[in-house]
Amino acid sequence: MLNYIIFGPPGAGKGTQAKKLAAKLNLTHISTGALLREEVSRATEIGQRVQEVMARGELVDDEIVDSLIKDKIQNGHEAGFIFDGYPRTINQARNLDVLLAAKALPLTLNLEVSADELAKRLALRGLESGRSDDNEATIKNRLLAYARQTEPLLDFYADHKRLISVAGEGTMDDVYQRLEKEVS
């Protein structure tokens, strides 16, 4: 079994690269952003609780996200998982290690992208996709939340010898080839 975390700030290309790696490696792709947006669009109890938090660009409560991930892991297949947008906090990382302890602890693939490039990508994505969380104010909040709460995970995974950093700039294919080299 293989498990990977695709890691990086908002706009680094995690979703794009996770989908490609999942297809190549026959992994279940789990995107917390997609899971949460689905909850909001279905107007579930969880969706109603997280809608405002997401609109402000803040991180959703660990307990909610952890429960969604646990459900997906329990219903996933044996080849493994690629996590996109999870974990985002140290507590979530510890939770994931507990959930996967009997299977295989994840290797983290970190996409390194400059702040200027992130701003360009997110602004463009907001225009193309119409995602409400890709506007200027929310982008700033998301990047601040990443710096404060998520970026410290780099040290967590480096300390556990489960971190590989990859240049995340260039074409989608260039980035994918770099990632593919690391997982082959």
N, C-alpha and C. Protein backbone atom coordinates (compact mmCIF):
# COMPACT_ATOMS: atom_id res chain seq x y z
N MET A 1 0.85 -1.18 0.00
CA MET A 1 0.00 0.00 0.00
C MET A 1 0.88 1.23 0.00
N LEU A 2 0.48 2.23 -0.79
CA LEU A 2 1.17 3.51 -0.86
C LEU A 2 0.23 4.60 -0.38
N ASN A 3 0.77 5.54 0.36
CA ASN A 3 0.00 6.72 0.77
C ASN A 3 0.88 7.95 0.61
N TYR A 4 0.29 8.96 -0.02
CA TYR A 4 1.01 10.22 -0.24
C TYR A 4 0.15 11.39 0.19
N ILE A 5 0.84 12.43 0.60
CA ILE A 5 0.20 13.73 0.84
C ILE A 5 0.80 14.66 -0.19
N ILE A 6 -0.05 15.34 -0.94
CA ILE A 6 0.44 16.38 -1.86
C ILE A 6 0.28 17.68 -1.08
N PHE A 7 1.37 18.37 -0.89
CA PHE A 7 1.42 19.47 0.07
C PHE A 7 1.88 20.75 -0.61
N GLY A 8 1.38 21.85 -0.13
CA GLY A 8 1.81 23.16 -0.61
C GLY A 8 0.74 24.18 -0.32
N PRO A 9 1.06 25.43 -0.52
CA PRO A 9 0.09 26.49 -0.24
C PRO A 9 -1.05 26.49 -1.25
N PRO A 10 -2.12 27.23 -0.94
CA PRO A 10 -3.21 27.36 -1.91
C PRO A 10 -2.66 27.87 -3.24
N GLY A 11 -3.06 27.22 -4.33
CA GLY A 11 -2.61 27.62 -5.64
C GLY A 11 -1.34 26.94 -6.12
N ALA A 12 -0.78 26.03 -5.32
CA ALA A 12 0.46 25.36 -5.70
C ALA A 12 0.24 24.30 -6.78
N GLY A 13 -1.00 23.90 -7.00
CA GLY A 13 -1.28 22.88 -8.00
C GLY A 13 -1.51 21.50 -7.40
N LYS A 14 -1.83 21.46 -6.11
CA LYS A 14 -2.02 20.18 -5.43
C LYS A 14 -3.09 19.32 -6.10
N GLY A 15 -4.24 19.90 -6.37
CA GLY A 15 -5.34 19.13 -6.94
C GLY A 15 -5.01 18.57 -8.30
N THR A 16 -4.45 19.39 -9.15
CA THR A 16 -4.07 18.95 -10.50
C THR A 16 -3.09 17.80 -10.45
N GLN A 17 -2.04 17.96 -9.65
CA GLN A 17 -1.01 16.93 -9.58
C GLN A 17 -1.49 15.68 -8.85
N ALA A 18 -2.33 15.85 -7.83
CA ALA A 18 -2.85 14.69 -7.09
C ALA A 18 -3.70 13.80 -8.00
N LYS A 19 -4.52 14.41 -8.84
CA LYS A 19 -5.36 13.63 -9.77
C LYS A 19 -4.49 12.81 -10.72
N LYS A 20 -3.44 13.43 -11.24
CA LYS A 20 -2.56 12.73 -12.18
C LYS A 20 -1.81 11.58 -11.49
N LEU A 21 -1.30 11.83 -10.29
CA LEU A 21 -0.58 10.78 -9.56
C LEU A 21 -1.53 9.65 -9.15
N ALA A 22 -2.74 10.01 -8.73
CA ALA A 22 -3.72 9.00 -8.33
C ALA A 22 -4.02 8.06 -9.49
N ALA A 23 -4.20 8.62 -10.68
CA ALA A 23 -4.48 7.80 -11.86
C ALA A 23 -3.29 6.89 -12.19
N LYS A 24 -2.09 7.44 -12.15
CA LYS A 24 -0.90 6.65 -12.49
C LYS A 24 -0.67 5.52 -11.49
N LEU A 25 -0.86 5.82 -10.20
CA LEU A 25 -0.52 4.85 -9.15
C LEU A 25 -1.73 4.05 -8.66
N ASN A 26 -2.91 4.28 -9.24
CA ASN A 26 -4.14 3.60 -8.84
C ASN A 26 -4.48 3.85 -7.37
N LEU A 27 -4.37 5.12 -6.96
CA LEU A 27 -4.65 5.52 -5.59
C LEU A 27 -6.00 6.21 -5.51
N THR A 28 -6.61 6.19 -4.36
CA THR A 28 -7.82 6.96 -4.11
C THR A 28 -7.41 8.39 -3.81
N HIS A 29 -7.91 9.33 -4.59
CA HIS A 29 -7.62 10.75 -4.40
C HIS A 29 -8.64 11.32 -3.42
N ILE A 30 -8.16 11.88 -2.33
CA ILE A 30 -9.04 12.49 -1.34
C ILE A 30 -8.70 13.97 -1.23
N SER A 31 -9.62 14.81 -1.68
CA SER A 31 -9.46 16.26 -1.62
C SER A 31 -10.40 16.81 -0.56
N THR A 32 -9.85 17.35 0.51
CA THR A 32 -10.73 17.89 1.55
C THR A 32 -11.50 19.09 1.04
N GLY A 33 -10.89 19.92 0.19
CA GLY A 33 -11.61 21.05 -0.38
C GLY A 33 -12.84 20.60 -1.14
N ALA A 34 -12.66 19.57 -1.98
CA ALA A 34 -13.79 19.05 -2.76
C ALA A 34 -14.85 18.45 -1.84
N LEU A 35 -14.41 17.71 -0.81
CA LEU A 35 -15.36 17.13 0.14
C LEU A 35 -16.18 18.21 0.83
N LEU A 36 -15.49 19.26 1.28
CA LEU A 36 -16.19 20.34 1.98
C LEU A 36 -17.11 21.13 1.05
N ARG A 37 -16.65 21.41 -0.17
CA ARG A 37 -17.51 22.12 -1.13
C ARG A 37 -18.75 21.30 -1.46
N GLU A 38 -18.59 19.98 -1.52
CA GLU A 38 -19.73 19.10 -1.77
C GLU A 38 -20.73 19.18 -0.61
N GLU A 39 -20.23 19.18 0.60
CA GLU A 39 -21.11 19.30 1.77
C GLU A 39 -21.89 20.62 1.72
N VAL A 40 -21.20 21.70 1.34
CA VAL A 40 -21.85 23.01 1.24
C VAL A 40 -22.91 22.98 0.14
N SER A 41 -22.57 22.43 -1.02
CA SER A 41 -23.53 22.43 -2.14
C SER A 41 -24.75 21.57 -1.85
N ARG A 42 -24.57 20.52 -1.05
CA ARG A 42 -25.71 19.66 -0.68
C ARG A 42 -26.46 20.21 0.53
N ALA A 43 -25.97 21.31 1.10
CA ALA A 43 -26.60 21.96 2.26
C ALA A 43 -26.78 20.99 3.43
N THR A 44 -25.76 20.12 3.64
CA THR A 44 -25.80 19.21 4.77
C THR A 44 -25.54 19.99 6.05
N GLU A 45 -25.70 19.32 7.17
CA GLU A 45 -25.41 19.97 8.45
C GLU A 45 -23.96 20.45 8.49
N ILE A 46 -23.04 19.60 8.04
CA ILE A 46 -21.63 19.99 8.01
C ILE A 46 -21.45 21.17 7.06
N GLY A 47 -22.05 21.10 5.89
CA GLY A 47 -21.94 22.17 4.90
C GLY A 47 -22.39 23.51 5.44
N GLN A 48 -23.48 23.49 6.18
CA GLN A 48 -23.98 24.73 6.76
C GLN A 48 -23.03 25.27 7.83
N ARG A 49 -22.38 24.36 8.56
CA ARG A 49 -21.45 24.78 9.61
C ARG A 49 -20.17 25.37 9.04
N VAL A 50 -19.72 24.88 7.87
CA VAL A 50 -18.42 25.28 7.36
C VAL A 50 -18.47 26.35 6.27
N GLN A 51 -19.64 26.64 5.75
CA GLN A 51 -19.75 27.56 4.61
C GLN A 51 -19.11 28.92 4.88
N GLU A 52 -19.44 29.53 5.99
CA GLU A 52 -18.89 30.86 6.31
C GLU A 52 -17.38 30.80 6.56
N VAL A 53 -16.94 29.75 7.24
CA VAL A 53 -15.52 29.60 7.54
C VAL A 53 -14.72 29.54 6.23
N MET A 54 -15.20 28.75 5.29
CA MET A 54 -14.52 28.61 4.00
C MET A 54 -14.57 29.92 3.21
N ALA A 55 -15.69 30.60 3.25
CA ALA A 55 -15.83 31.86 2.51
C ALA A 55 -14.84 32.92 3.01
N ARG A 56 -14.47 32.84 4.29
CA ARG A 56 -13.50 33.78 4.86
C ARG A 56 -12.06 33.34 4.59
N GLY A 57 -11.88 32.13 4.07
CA GLY A 57 -10.54 31.63 3.80
C GLY A 57 -9.86 31.05 5.01
N GLU A 58 -10.64 30.69 6.02
CA GLU A 58 -10.08 30.12 7.25
C GLU A 58 -10.13 28.60 7.18
N LEU A 59 -9.41 27.95 8.08
CA LEU A 59 -9.41 26.49 8.12
C LEU A 59 -10.62 25.98 8.89
N VAL A 60 -11.22 24.93 8.36
CA VAL A 60 -12.35 24.28 8.99
C VAL A 60 -11.84 23.50 10.20
N ASP A 61 -12.66 23.42 11.23
CA ASP A 61 -12.34 22.72 12.47
C ASP A 61 -11.78 21.32 12.21
N ASP A 62 -10.69 20.97 12.92
CA ASP A 62 -10.05 19.66 12.76
C ASP A 62 -11.04 18.50 12.91
N GLU A 63 -11.90 18.58 13.90
CA GLU A 63 -12.83 17.47 14.17
C GLU A 63 -13.71 17.16 12.96
N ILE A 64 -14.19 18.19 12.29
CA ILE A 64 -15.04 17.99 11.11
C ILE A 64 -14.25 17.35 9.99
N VAL A 65 -13.09 17.91 9.69
CA VAL A 65 -12.28 17.40 8.58
C VAL A 65 -11.79 15.99 8.89
N ASP A 66 -11.36 15.75 10.11
CA ASP A 66 -10.89 14.41 10.49
C ASP A 66 -11.99 13.37 10.31
N SER A 67 -13.22 13.71 10.64
CA SER A 67 -14.31 12.73 10.50
C SER A 67 -14.59 12.43 9.02
N LEU A 68 -14.50 13.43 8.15
CA LEU A 68 -14.69 13.20 6.72
C LEU A 68 -13.57 12.30 6.17
N ILE A 69 -12.34 12.55 6.61
CA ILE A 69 -11.20 11.76 6.14
C ILE A 69 -11.31 10.32 6.65
N LYS A 70 -11.67 10.15 7.89
CA LYS A 70 -11.81 8.79 8.45
C LYS A 70 -12.80 7.98 7.64
N ASP A 71 -13.93 8.60 7.29
CA ASP A 71 -14.94 7.92 6.50
C ASP A 71 -14.39 7.50 5.14
N LYS A 72 -13.64 8.39 4.48
CA LYS A 72 -13.07 8.09 3.16
C LYS A 72 -12.02 6.98 3.25
N ILE A 73 -11.20 6.99 4.29
CA ILE A 73 -10.18 5.95 4.44
C ILE A 73 -10.84 4.59 4.65
N GLN A 74 -11.88 4.56 5.47
CA GLN A 74 -12.57 3.30 5.73
C GLN A 74 -13.25 2.75 4.49
N ASN A 75 -13.62 3.62 3.56
CA ASN A 75 -14.31 3.18 2.35
C ASN A 75 -13.41 3.18 1.12
N GLY A 76 -12.10 3.40 1.31
CA GLY A 76 -11.16 3.44 0.20
C GLY A 76 -10.72 2.04 -0.20
N HIS A 77 -9.86 1.96 -1.22
CA HIS A 77 -9.38 0.65 -1.64
C HIS A 77 -7.96 0.41 -1.16
N GLU A 78 -7.50 -0.79 -1.34
CA GLU A 78 -6.24 -1.24 -0.74
C GLU A 78 -4.97 -0.67 -1.36
N ALA A 79 -5.03 -0.14 -2.56
CA ALA A 79 -3.81 0.36 -3.19
C ALA A 79 -3.22 1.54 -2.42
N GLY A 80 -4.07 2.36 -1.80
CA GLY A 80 -3.61 3.49 -1.02
C GLY A 80 -4.31 4.78 -1.40
N PHE A 81 -3.79 5.87 -0.85
CA PHE A 81 -4.44 7.16 -0.96
C PHE A 81 -3.44 8.25 -1.33
N ILE A 82 -3.97 9.28 -1.95
CA ILE A 82 -3.21 10.53 -2.10
C ILE A 82 -4.10 11.62 -1.52
N PHE A 83 -3.59 12.29 -0.49
CA PHE A 83 -4.35 13.31 0.22
C PHE A 83 -3.99 14.68 -0.33
N ASP A 84 -5.01 15.44 -0.64
CA ASP A 84 -4.88 16.76 -1.27
C ASP A 84 -5.61 17.76 -0.36
N GLY A 85 -4.83 18.60 0.32
CA GLY A 85 -5.45 19.56 1.24
C GLY A 85 -5.64 19.00 2.63
N TYR A 86 -5.04 17.89 2.92
CA TYR A 86 -5.11 17.27 4.24
C TYR A 86 -3.80 16.52 4.44
N PRO A 87 -3.21 16.64 5.58
CA PRO A 87 -3.58 17.44 6.74
C PRO A 87 -3.15 18.91 6.57
N ARG A 88 -3.79 19.75 7.38
CA ARG A 88 -3.46 21.18 7.37
C ARG A 88 -3.00 21.68 8.73
N THR A 89 -3.09 20.84 9.72
CA THR A 89 -2.61 21.19 11.06
C THR A 89 -1.84 20.01 11.63
N ILE A 90 -1.03 20.28 12.66
CA ILE A 90 -0.28 19.21 13.33
C ILE A 90 -1.24 18.16 13.89
N ASN A 91 -2.35 18.59 14.48
CA ASN A 91 -3.31 17.63 15.02
C ASN A 91 -3.88 16.73 13.92
N GLN A 92 -4.17 17.31 12.74
CA GLN A 92 -4.66 16.49 11.64
C GLN A 92 -3.58 15.50 11.17
N ALA A 93 -2.32 15.93 11.16
CA ALA A 93 -1.23 15.04 10.76
C ALA A 93 -1.12 13.87 11.72
N ARG A 94 -1.24 14.14 12.99
CA ARG A 94 -1.19 13.05 13.99
C ARG A 94 -2.38 12.12 13.82
N ASN A 95 -3.56 12.70 13.56
CA ASN A 95 -4.75 11.89 13.34
C ASN A 95 -4.56 10.98 12.13
N LEU A 96 -4.02 11.52 11.05
CA LEU A 96 -3.80 10.72 9.85
C LEU A 96 -2.83 9.57 10.12
N ASP A 97 -1.77 9.83 10.88
CA ASP A 97 -0.83 8.77 11.21
C ASP A 97 -1.52 7.65 11.99
N VAL A 98 -2.42 8.00 12.89
CA VAL A 98 -3.15 6.99 13.65
C VAL A 98 -4.06 6.19 12.70
N LEU A 99 -4.77 6.89 11.81
CA LEU A 99 -5.68 6.21 10.88
C LEU A 99 -4.94 5.27 9.94
N LEU A 100 -3.70 5.62 9.57
CA LEU A 100 -2.95 4.82 8.60
C LEU A 100 -1.89 3.93 9.22
N ALA A 101 -1.78 3.92 10.54
CA ALA A 101 -0.70 3.19 11.21
C ALA A 101 -0.67 1.71 10.82
N ALA A 102 -1.82 1.10 10.66
CA ALA A 102 -1.87 -0.32 10.31
C ALA A 102 -1.64 -0.55 8.82
N LYS A 103 -1.61 0.52 8.05
CA LYS A 103 -1.45 0.39 6.59
C LYS A 103 -0.05 0.85 6.20
N ALA A 104 0.11 2.13 5.89
CA ALA A 104 1.42 2.68 5.56
C ALA A 104 1.36 4.18 5.80
N LEU A 105 2.31 4.69 6.57
CA LEU A 105 2.35 6.11 6.84
C LEU A 105 2.65 6.87 5.56
N PRO A 106 2.06 8.05 5.39
CA PRO A 106 2.20 8.75 4.11
C PRO A 106 3.55 9.47 3.95
N LEU A 107 3.98 9.52 2.70
CA LEU A 107 5.13 10.33 2.31
C LEU A 107 4.57 11.64 1.80
N THR A 108 5.17 12.76 2.20
CA THR A 108 4.68 14.08 1.82
C THR A 108 5.49 14.64 0.67
N LEU A 109 4.75 15.00 -0.39
CA LEU A 109 5.34 15.61 -1.59
C LEU A 109 5.00 17.09 -1.55
N ASN A 110 5.98 17.92 -1.24
CA ASN A 110 5.77 19.35 -1.06
C ASN A 110 6.06 20.12 -2.35
N LEU A 111 5.06 20.85 -2.83
CA LEU A 111 5.22 21.69 -4.02
C LEU A 111 5.68 23.08 -3.59
N GLU A 112 6.87 23.47 -4.01
CA GLU A 112 7.41 24.78 -3.65
C GLU A 112 7.11 25.77 -4.77
N VAL A 113 6.37 26.84 -4.41
CA VAL A 113 5.95 27.85 -5.38
C VAL A 113 6.12 29.23 -4.73
N SER A 114 6.64 30.20 -5.46
CA SER A 114 6.85 31.54 -4.92
C SER A 114 5.52 32.23 -4.64
N ALA A 115 5.56 33.20 -3.74
CA ALA A 115 4.35 33.95 -3.37
C ALA A 115 3.75 34.69 -4.57
N ASP A 116 4.59 35.26 -5.41
CA ASP A 116 4.10 35.97 -6.59
C ASP A 116 3.37 35.03 -7.53
N GLU A 117 3.94 33.86 -7.75
CA GLU A 117 3.31 32.88 -8.64
C GLU A 117 1.99 32.39 -8.06
N LEU A 118 1.94 32.18 -6.73
CA LEU A 118 0.69 31.75 -6.09
C LEU A 118 -0.41 32.78 -6.29
N ALA A 119 -0.08 34.05 -6.09
CA ALA A 119 -1.08 35.11 -6.26
C ALA A 119 -1.63 35.11 -7.67
N LYS A 120 -0.76 34.96 -8.67
CA LYS A 120 -1.20 34.93 -10.07
C LYS A 120 -2.11 33.74 -10.33
N ARG A 121 -1.69 32.57 -9.85
CA ARG A 121 -2.46 31.35 -10.09
C ARG A 121 -3.84 31.42 -9.45
N LEU A 122 -3.90 31.90 -8.22
CA LEU A 122 -5.19 31.96 -7.53
C LEU A 122 -6.13 32.98 -8.16
N ALA A 123 -5.60 34.11 -8.56
CA ALA A 123 -6.43 35.11 -9.23
C ALA A 123 -6.98 34.56 -10.54
N LEU A 124 -6.14 33.87 -11.30
CA LEU A 124 -6.57 33.28 -12.56
C LEU A 124 -7.61 32.18 -12.33
N ARG A 125 -7.36 31.34 -11.33
CA ARG A 125 -8.30 30.27 -11.03
C ARG A 125 -9.65 30.84 -10.63
N GLY A 126 -9.64 31.93 -9.86
CA GLY A 126 -10.89 32.57 -9.47
C GLY A 126 -11.69 33.05 -10.66
N LEU A 127 -10.99 33.59 -11.66
CA LEU A 127 -11.67 34.05 -12.87
C LEU A 127 -12.21 32.88 -13.69
N GLU A 128 -11.43 31.81 -13.78
CA GLU A 128 -11.81 30.68 -14.62
C GLU A 128 -12.86 29.78 -13.98
N SER A 129 -12.73 29.53 -12.68
CA SER A 129 -13.62 28.56 -12.03
C SER A 129 -14.81 29.20 -11.35
N GLY A 130 -14.68 30.48 -11.03
CA GLY A 130 -15.76 31.13 -10.30
C GLY A 130 -15.84 30.72 -8.83
N ARG A 131 -14.79 30.04 -8.32
CA ARG A 131 -14.80 29.64 -6.92
C ARG A 131 -14.85 30.87 -6.04
N SER A 132 -15.78 30.86 -5.10
CA SER A 132 -15.96 32.02 -4.24
C SER A 132 -14.78 32.25 -3.30
N ASP A 133 -13.97 31.21 -3.06
CA ASP A 133 -12.83 31.37 -2.16
C ASP A 133 -11.56 31.80 -2.90
N ASP A 134 -11.69 32.18 -4.16
CA ASP A 134 -10.55 32.67 -4.93
C ASP A 134 -10.71 34.14 -5.29
N ASN A 135 -11.06 34.95 -4.30
CA ASN A 135 -11.08 36.40 -4.49
C ASN A 135 -9.94 37.00 -3.66
N GLU A 136 -9.62 38.26 -3.91
CA GLU A 136 -8.41 38.86 -3.32
C GLU A 136 -8.38 38.78 -1.79
N ALA A 137 -9.47 39.14 -1.13
CA ALA A 137 -9.48 39.14 0.34
C ALA A 137 -9.34 37.72 0.89
N THR A 138 -10.07 36.79 0.30
CA THR A 138 -10.02 35.42 0.77
C THR A 138 -8.67 34.78 0.49
N ILE A 139 -8.09 35.10 -0.66
CA ILE A 139 -6.76 34.58 -0.99
C ILE A 139 -5.75 35.00 0.07
N LYS A 140 -5.78 36.27 0.47
CA LYS A 140 -4.85 36.74 1.52
C LYS A 140 -5.06 35.96 2.80
N ASN A 141 -6.32 35.75 3.19
CA ASN A 141 -6.62 35.00 4.41
C ASN A 141 -6.15 33.55 4.30
N ARG A 142 -6.36 32.95 3.14
CA ARG A 142 -5.95 31.56 2.95
C ARG A 142 -4.44 31.42 3.04
N LEU A 143 -3.71 32.35 2.43
CA LEU A 143 -2.26 32.29 2.49
C LEU A 143 -1.74 32.54 3.91
N LEU A 144 -2.38 33.45 4.64
CA LEU A 144 -2.01 33.67 6.05
C LEU A 144 -2.29 32.44 6.90
N ALA A 145 -3.46 31.82 6.70
CA ALA A 145 -3.80 30.60 7.44
C ALA A 145 -2.80 29.50 7.12
N TYR A 146 -2.41 29.39 5.87
CA TYR A 146 -1.40 28.40 5.48
C TYR A 146 -0.09 28.66 6.22
N ALA A 147 0.37 29.90 6.20
CA ALA A 147 1.64 30.24 6.84
C ALA A 147 1.60 29.95 8.35
N ARG A 148 0.49 30.29 8.98
CA ARG A 148 0.39 30.12 10.44
C ARG A 148 0.14 28.68 10.85
N GLN A 149 -0.77 28.00 10.18
CA GLN A 149 -1.24 26.70 10.68
C GLN A 149 -0.75 25.50 9.89
N THR A 150 -0.48 25.66 8.63
CA THR A 150 -0.16 24.50 7.80
C THR A 150 1.33 24.37 7.51
N GLU A 151 1.98 25.45 7.21
CA GLU A 151 3.41 25.41 6.88
C GLU A 151 4.25 24.71 7.95
N PRO A 152 3.91 24.82 9.26
CA PRO A 152 4.69 24.09 10.26
C PRO A 152 4.72 22.57 10.06
N LEU A 153 3.80 22.05 9.26
CA LEU A 153 3.81 20.61 8.97
C LEU A 153 5.06 20.19 8.20
N LEU A 154 5.67 21.14 7.49
CA LEU A 154 6.90 20.80 6.78
C LEU A 154 7.96 20.29 7.75
N ASP A 155 8.11 20.95 8.89
CA ASP A 155 9.06 20.49 9.90
C ASP A 155 8.63 19.15 10.49
N PHE A 156 7.33 18.98 10.73
CA PHE A 156 6.79 17.72 11.27
C PHE A 156 7.19 16.56 10.36
N TYR A 157 6.94 16.69 9.06
CA TYR A 157 7.25 15.59 8.15
C TYR A 157 8.74 15.45 7.89
N ALA A 158 9.48 16.55 7.90
CA ALA A 158 10.93 16.47 7.75
C ALA A 158 11.54 15.73 8.95
N ASP A 159 11.06 16.06 10.14
CA ASP A 159 11.55 15.40 11.35
C ASP A 159 11.27 13.89 11.33
N HIS A 160 10.18 13.50 10.68
CA HIS A 160 9.81 12.09 10.57
C HIS A 160 10.38 11.43 9.31
N LYS A 161 11.24 12.16 8.59
CA LYS A 161 11.89 11.66 7.38
C LYS A 161 10.87 11.22 6.32
N ARG A 162 9.79 12.01 6.20
CA ARG A 162 8.74 11.69 5.22
C ARG A 162 8.40 12.91 4.38
N LEU A 163 9.41 13.69 4.00
CA LEU A 163 9.19 14.91 3.22
C LEU A 163 10.11 14.95 2.02
N ILE A 164 9.52 15.18 0.86
CA ILE A 164 10.27 15.40 -0.38
C ILE A 164 9.74 16.70 -0.97
N SER A 165 10.62 17.67 -1.18
CA SER A 165 10.21 18.93 -1.79
C SER A 165 10.54 18.92 -3.28
N VAL A 166 9.59 19.46 -4.06
CA VAL A 166 9.70 19.48 -5.51
C VAL A 166 9.38 20.89 -5.99
N ALA A 167 10.13 21.39 -6.97
CA ALA A 167 9.83 22.70 -7.55
C ALA A 167 8.45 22.63 -8.20
N GLY A 168 7.55 23.53 -7.76
CA GLY A 168 6.18 23.52 -8.23
C GLY A 168 5.89 24.56 -9.29
N GLU A 169 6.92 25.18 -9.84
CA GLU A 169 6.72 26.17 -10.90
C GLU A 169 7.11 25.58 -12.24
N GLY A 170 6.57 26.15 -13.29
CA GLY A 170 6.76 25.63 -14.64
C GLY A 170 5.43 25.11 -15.14
N THR A 171 5.45 24.37 -16.22
CA THR A 171 4.20 23.83 -16.75
C THR A 171 3.70 22.71 -15.86
N MET A 172 2.41 22.39 -16.00
CA MET A 172 1.84 21.28 -15.23
C MET A 172 2.60 19.99 -15.52
N ASP A 173 2.98 19.78 -16.77
CA ASP A 173 3.71 18.57 -17.14
C ASP A 173 5.11 18.54 -16.53
N ASP A 174 5.78 19.71 -16.49
CA ASP A 174 7.11 19.78 -15.86
C ASP A 174 7.02 19.37 -14.39
N VAL A 175 6.05 19.92 -13.70
CA VAL A 175 5.89 19.62 -12.27
C VAL A 175 5.56 18.14 -12.09
N TYR A 176 4.65 17.63 -12.92
CA TYR A 176 4.27 16.22 -12.82
C TYR A 176 5.49 15.31 -13.04
N GLN A 177 6.33 15.64 -14.02
CA GLN A 177 7.51 14.81 -14.26
C GLN A 177 8.44 14.79 -13.05
N ARG A 178 8.56 15.93 -12.38
CA ARG A 178 9.39 15.98 -11.17
C ARG A 178 8.80 15.09 -10.08
N LEU A 179 7.48 15.18 -9.90
CA LEU A 179 6.81 14.35 -8.90
C LEU A 179 6.92 12.87 -9.24
N GLU A 180 6.67 12.56 -10.50
CA GLU A 180 6.72 11.18 -10.94
C GLU A 180 8.08 10.55 -10.67
N LYS A 181 9.14 11.34 -10.88
CA LYS A 181 10.50 10.86 -10.62
C LYS A 181 10.67 10.49 -9.14
N GLU A 182 10.03 11.27 -8.26
CA GLU A 182 10.16 11.03 -6.81
C GLU A 182 9.37 9.81 -6.33
N VAL A 183 8.28 9.46 -7.02
CA VAL A 183 7.46 8.34 -6.56
C VAL A 183 7.75 7.05 -7.31
N SER A 184 8.61 7.11 -8.32
CA SER A 184 8.93 5.91 -9.10
C SER A 184 9.98 5.06 -8.41
